[in-house]
Amino acid sequence: MNTVEVSDLYVAHQGEGANLGRYSLFLRLRRCVLACDWCDTKYTWDKNVPWYTEYQTLTVEELASEMVRVALQPGKSRCPLCLVVTGGEPLIWQRQLAKVIPRYKEVILRETGILPAVEVETSGMIRPLWLSQCSFNVSPKLRSSGNARIPLGKRINEEATVDFLNLLAVFKPVVSREHTQEIGEYIRWLLGVARAHGHSENLVRSRIYLMPEAISERELVVAQREVIALANAYGVNCTTRMHVLAFGNMRGI
C-alpha cells in the first residue's frame, strides 16, 4: 500500500516531553491499535466522534510534497526544523513513513541547510522495524487508559519496549490521579526490562517523563502538582502539556 490516511498537518510548538517548546511540523495519522478513554484525538480512530470522517488519503509522494509546502509556506518567519509524527498510532504506517520522511528531510535540508529532527510519538505497541534516524516518544497505555479490558500482553509489548530502549527512546507515561500507584509499577517494570538487556538504570531514568492526564487548563494545574511530586519520588523527569495549558482540547494545536 502506497497511501497514508492523514488527519492533520500543521505547524505548532511541541507541547510536551523532552523537546517541549520546539517549533515543529506535526503530522497526525489515522487509526490506532488501542482505545484510550482519555485520548484527546479520538477522531483519528473512533467513528462515533466528530471529525472522524475528516481526513485525506494521500500517496507517499503527495504527502511528502504537502509536508514541504506546509513547512515552507510563505509568510512564516522560519521553517519548523523538527517533524513530529503522531496519531492515532503512527507506526501502523511505518512502511510508508520510511519513504515519506527521507524525502521530506532531503528537501528541507536543501532549502534551509539544516537537517530536520524527527520525533515519532507511539504507544509502544508496535515494533519500529522500518524507521531509522528518528527519535521515539513512547507513551505506554496503563490501566488508567481504559484499556484494562485488553490483556496486558496486548497493551504493553515487551519485545517492542526492548527495541525502544535500544533506540534511546523517551518514555512518557500518563499519570491518572485515580491510578497513581500504577506509575510506580510501570517504572519498576521498565527498569527491570532495561537491566535484563544491559541498559543503565540511571540512563533509563533520565529518559522517563511523567505526563499529567488533562484536557483543560483547570485539570492540568491540579494534575501537574501530583506529577511533580511523583517524579521527585521516583527519581525521573516530568513534563507539562503546554498546548493544553494554552488551548485546551482544540484540534490542530
Protein backbone atom coordinates (compact mmCIF):
# COMPACT_ATOMS: atom_id res chain seq x y z
CA MET A 1 0.00 0.00 0.00
CA ASN A 2 1.41 3.36 -1.07
CA THR A 3 -1.17 5.61 0.61
CA VAL A 4 -1.44 7.20 4.06
CA GLU A 5 -4.51 8.43 5.94
CA VAL A 6 -3.78 11.91 7.31
CA SER A 7 -5.97 13.63 9.89
CA ASP A 8 -3.91 16.79 10.50
CA LEU A 9 -0.85 18.58 9.16
CA TYR A 10 0.09 21.86 10.85
CA VAL A 11 2.88 23.90 12.42
CA ALA A 12 2.96 24.44 16.21
CA HIS A 13 5.23 24.20 19.22
CA GLN A 14 5.80 20.80 20.76
CA GLY A 15 3.72 20.86 23.93
CA GLU A 16 5.24 18.04 25.96
CA GLY A 17 8.24 15.85 26.62
CA ALA A 18 11.96 16.34 26.27
CA ASN A 19 11.55 18.80 23.37
CA LEU A 20 8.81 20.91 24.91
CA GLY A 21 8.55 24.29 23.20
CA ARG A 22 10.26 23.22 19.99
CA TYR A 23 8.80 24.74 16.80
CA SER A 24 7.64 21.74 14.78
CA LEU A 25 5.67 20.41 11.86
CA PHE A 26 3.01 17.99 13.16
CA LEU A 27 1.83 15.11 11.02
CA ARG A 28 -1.13 13.30 12.60
CA LEU A 29 -2.10 9.96 11.09
CA ARG A 30 -5.29 7.95 11.49
CA ARG A 31 -6.05 4.60 13.14
CA CYS A 32 -4.88 3.05 16.39
CA VAL A 33 -4.36 -0.38 17.97
CA LEU A 34 -5.82 0.73 21.32
CA ALA A 35 -8.85 2.70 22.54
CA CYS A 36 -7.92 5.03 25.39
CA ASP A 37 -10.75 6.63 27.37
CA TRP A 38 -8.87 9.90 27.77
CA CYS A 39 -7.49 10.08 24.22
CA ASP A 40 -7.61 13.69 23.02
CA THR A 41 -7.52 12.67 19.34
CA LYS A 42 -10.31 10.09 19.20
CA TYR A 43 -11.30 11.46 15.83
CA THR A 44 -8.34 9.55 14.39
CA TRP A 45 -9.85 6.16 15.26
CA ASP A 46 -13.35 6.41 16.84
CA LYS A 47 -16.14 6.63 14.25
CA ASN A 48 -18.57 7.88 16.91
CA VAL A 49 -16.86 11.25 17.46
CA PRO A 50 -16.88 14.46 15.35
CA TRP A 51 -14.23 14.85 12.64
CA TYR A 52 -13.75 11.09 12.21
CA THR A 53 -14.57 11.35 8.51
CA GLU A 54 -12.43 14.47 8.01
CA TYR A 55 -9.13 13.17 6.67
CA GLN A 56 -7.14 12.85 3.47
CA THR A 57 -5.83 9.73 1.79
CA LEU A 58 -2.53 10.69 0.17
CA THR A 59 0.13 8.79 -1.73
CA VAL A 60 3.64 8.81 -0.31
CA GLU A 61 4.65 11.32 -2.96
CA GLU A 62 1.66 13.58 -2.31
CA LEU A 63 2.19 13.55 1.43
CA ALA A 64 5.89 14.42 1.18
CA SER A 65 5.06 17.34 -1.12
CA GLU A 66 2.29 18.59 1.16
CA MET A 67 4.57 18.43 4.20
CA VAL A 68 7.17 20.51 2.40
CA ARG A 69 4.50 23.00 1.32
CA VAL A 70 3.22 23.50 4.86
CA ALA A 71 6.71 23.70 6.37
CA LEU A 72 7.95 26.26 3.84
CA GLN A 73 4.74 28.25 3.41
CA PRO A 74 5.29 31.94 2.58
CA GLY A 75 4.87 34.42 5.39
CA LYS A 76 6.31 32.18 8.09
CA SER A 77 9.27 33.73 9.86
CA ARG A 78 11.09 30.40 9.92
CA CYS A 79 10.85 26.77 8.92
CA PRO A 80 9.97 24.20 11.59
CA LEU A 81 13.15 22.15 11.92
CA CYS A 82 11.53 19.32 13.81
CA LEU A 83 8.93 16.90 12.42
CA VAL A 84 6.59 15.29 14.96
CA VAL A 85 4.73 12.24 13.64
CA THR A 86 1.78 11.35 15.84
CA GLY A 87 -1.67 9.78 15.73
CA GLY A 88 -3.57 7.61 16.45
CA GLU A 89 -0.72 5.14 16.22
CA PRO A 90 1.71 6.29 13.52
CA LEU A 91 3.69 3.05 13.46
CA ILE A 92 0.74 1.43 11.70
CA TRP A 93 2.04 3.41 8.72
CA GLN A 94 5.77 2.92 9.26
CA ARG A 95 6.48 1.35 5.87
CA GLN A 96 5.05 4.42 4.16
CA LEU A 97 6.79 6.74 6.63
CA ALA A 98 10.09 5.08 5.80
CA LYS A 99 9.63 6.57 2.30
CA VAL A 100 7.98 9.88 3.24
CA ILE A 101 10.41 11.04 5.93
CA PRO A 102 13.66 10.83 3.88
CA ARG A 103 12.01 12.75 1.02
CA TYR A 104 10.85 15.47 3.39
CA LYS A 105 14.24 15.72 5.13
CA GLU A 106 16.07 15.93 1.80
CA VAL A 107 14.05 18.94 0.63
CA ILE A 108 14.21 20.79 3.97
CA LEU A 109 17.98 20.24 4.14
CA ARG A 110 18.36 21.59 0.62
CA GLU A 111 16.15 24.63 1.31
CA THR A 112 17.39 25.55 4.80
CA GLY A 113 20.84 23.99 5.12
CA ILE A 114 19.70 22.18 8.27
CA LEU A 115 18.66 18.53 8.54
CA PRO A 116 15.35 18.45 10.45
CA ALA A 117 14.96 16.25 13.51
CA VAL A 118 12.16 13.68 13.56
CA GLU A 119 10.14 12.55 16.58
CA VAL A 120 7.66 9.68 16.35
CA GLU A 121 5.05 9.52 19.12
CA THR A 122 3.83 5.97 19.77
CA SER A 123 2.05 3.79 22.29
CA GLY A 124 4.97 1.38 22.13
CA MET A 125 2.77 -1.49 20.98
CA ILE A 126 4.33 -1.92 17.52
CA ARG A 127 7.99 -2.70 16.92
CA PRO A 128 9.85 0.05 14.98
CA LEU A 129 11.18 -2.22 12.25
CA TRP A 130 11.10 0.15 9.28
CA LEU A 131 12.11 3.52 10.65
CA SER A 132 15.65 4.78 11.21
CA GLN A 133 17.25 8.12 12.07
CA CYS A 134 14.22 9.04 14.18
CA SER A 135 13.74 9.57 17.88
CA PHE A 136 10.78 7.93 19.58
CA ASN A 137 8.46 9.18 22.33
CA VAL A 138 6.77 6.14 23.88
CA SER A 139 3.57 6.79 25.81
CA PRO A 140 2.60 3.39 27.29
CA LYS A 141 -1.10 2.81 27.90
CA LEU A 142 -1.55 1.74 31.51
CA ARG A 143 -4.76 0.55 33.19
CA SER A 144 -5.97 4.13 33.66
CA SER A 145 -6.22 4.49 29.88
CA GLY A 146 -9.34 2.33 29.94
CA ASN A 147 -7.57 -0.43 28.06
CA ALA A 148 -7.59 -2.75 31.08
CA ARG A 149 -10.10 -4.89 29.19
CA ILE A 150 -7.27 -5.59 26.77
CA PRO A 151 -4.84 -8.24 28.12
CA LEU A 152 -1.56 -6.81 29.41
CA GLY A 153 0.41 -8.63 26.71
CA LYS A 154 -1.58 -6.76 24.07
CA ARG A 155 -1.31 -3.40 25.85
CA ILE A 156 2.38 -3.44 26.82
CA ASN A 157 4.70 -5.04 24.27
CA GLU A 158 7.93 -6.11 25.98
CA GLU A 159 9.67 -7.02 22.72
CA ALA A 160 8.90 -3.57 21.30
CA THR A 161 9.98 -1.97 24.58
CA VAL A 162 13.41 -3.56 24.21
CA ASP A 163 13.64 -2.10 20.71
CA PHE A 164 12.78 1.36 22.03
CA LEU A 165 15.31 1.04 24.86
CA ASN A 166 17.96 0.19 22.28
CA LEU A 167 16.92 3.25 20.26
CA LEU A 168 17.26 5.52 23.32
CA ALA A 169 13.58 6.43 23.24
CA VAL A 170 11.88 8.76 25.70
CA PHE A 171 9.12 7.14 27.78
CA LYS A 172 6.13 9.35 28.67
CA PRO A 173 3.56 7.51 30.83
CA VAL A 174 0.38 9.46 31.53
CA VAL A 175 -0.38 9.94 35.23
CA SER A 176 -4.02 9.45 36.20
CA ARG A 177 -4.97 10.95 39.58
CA GLU A 178 -7.07 7.86 40.34
CA HIS A 179 -4.32 5.36 39.46
CA THR A 180 -1.04 6.88 40.65
CA GLN A 181 0.17 3.54 42.06
CA GLU A 182 0.46 2.08 38.57
CA ILE A 183 3.15 4.60 37.68
CA GLY A 184 5.50 3.02 40.21
CA GLU A 185 4.59 -0.43 38.90
CA TYR A 186 5.38 0.63 35.34
CA ILE A 187 8.69 2.31 36.23
CA ARG A 188 9.84 -0.78 38.14
CA TRP A 189 8.83 -2.99 35.21
CA LEU A 190 10.61 -0.78 32.66
CA LEU A 191 13.80 -0.63 34.74
CA GLY A 192 13.68 -4.41 35.14
CA VAL A 193 13.45 -4.91 31.38
CA ALA A 194 16.26 -2.40 30.91
CA ARG A 195 18.57 -4.17 33.39
CA ALA A 196 17.85 -7.54 31.79
CA HIS A 197 19.06 -6.17 28.46
CA GLY A 198 22.17 -4.40 29.71
CA HIS A 199 20.90 -0.82 29.96
CA SER A 200 21.99 1.61 32.67
CA GLU A 201 19.17 2.25 35.15
CA ASN A 202 20.27 5.86 35.58
CA LEU A 203 20.27 6.43 31.83
CA VAL A 204 16.77 4.99 31.50
CA ARG A 205 15.51 7.11 34.41
CA SER A 206 16.85 10.17 32.60
CA ARG A 207 14.59 9.30 29.65
CA ILE A 208 11.34 8.89 31.63
CA TYR A 209 8.98 11.90 31.64
CA LEU A 210 5.80 11.65 33.69
CA MET A 211 2.94 13.49 31.99
CA PRO A 212 -0.36 14.68 33.53
CA GLU A 213 -3.73 13.49 32.29
CA ALA A 214 -5.69 16.64 31.43
CA ILE A 215 -7.73 18.14 28.61
CA SER A 216 -8.32 21.58 30.18
CA GLU A 217 -6.23 24.26 31.89
CA ARG A 218 -8.01 23.67 35.20
CA GLU A 219 -7.37 19.92 35.15
CA LEU A 220 -3.76 20.45 34.14
CA VAL A 221 -2.93 22.82 37.01
CA VAL A 222 -4.19 20.35 39.62
CA ALA A 223 -2.67 17.29 37.96
CA GLN A 224 0.72 18.93 37.45
CA ARG A 225 1.35 19.23 41.19
CA GLU A 226 0.91 15.49 41.66
CA VAL A 227 3.07 14.70 38.65
CA ILE A 228 5.93 16.79 40.05
CA ALA A 229 5.65 15.02 43.41
CA LEU A 230 5.67 11.59 41.75
CA ALA A 231 8.65 12.48 39.57
CA ASN A 232 10.58 13.51 42.68
CA ALA A 233 9.59 10.30 44.45
CA TYR A 234 10.70 8.01 41.62
CA GLY A 235 13.75 9.97 40.51
CA VAL A 236 12.54 10.66 36.98
CA ASN A 237 11.63 13.69 34.88
CA CYS A 238 8.23 15.25 34.35
CA THR A 239 6.63 17.36 31.66
CA THR A 240 3.67 19.64 31.39
CA ARG A 241 1.35 19.75 28.37
CA MET A 242 1.84 23.28 27.12
CA HIS A 243 -0.75 23.01 24.34
CA VAL A 244 -3.45 22.03 26.87
CA LEU A 245 -2.49 24.98 29.08
CA ALA A 246 -2.79 27.39 26.17
CA PHE A 247 -5.56 25.93 24.04
CA GLY A 248 -7.38 23.21 25.98
CA ASN A 249 -8.61 20.39 23.75
CA MET A 250 -8.63 22.38 20.49
CA ARG A 251 -7.81 20.43 17.35
CA GLY A 252 -4.73 21.26 15.28
CA ILE A 253 -2.70 22.88 18.06
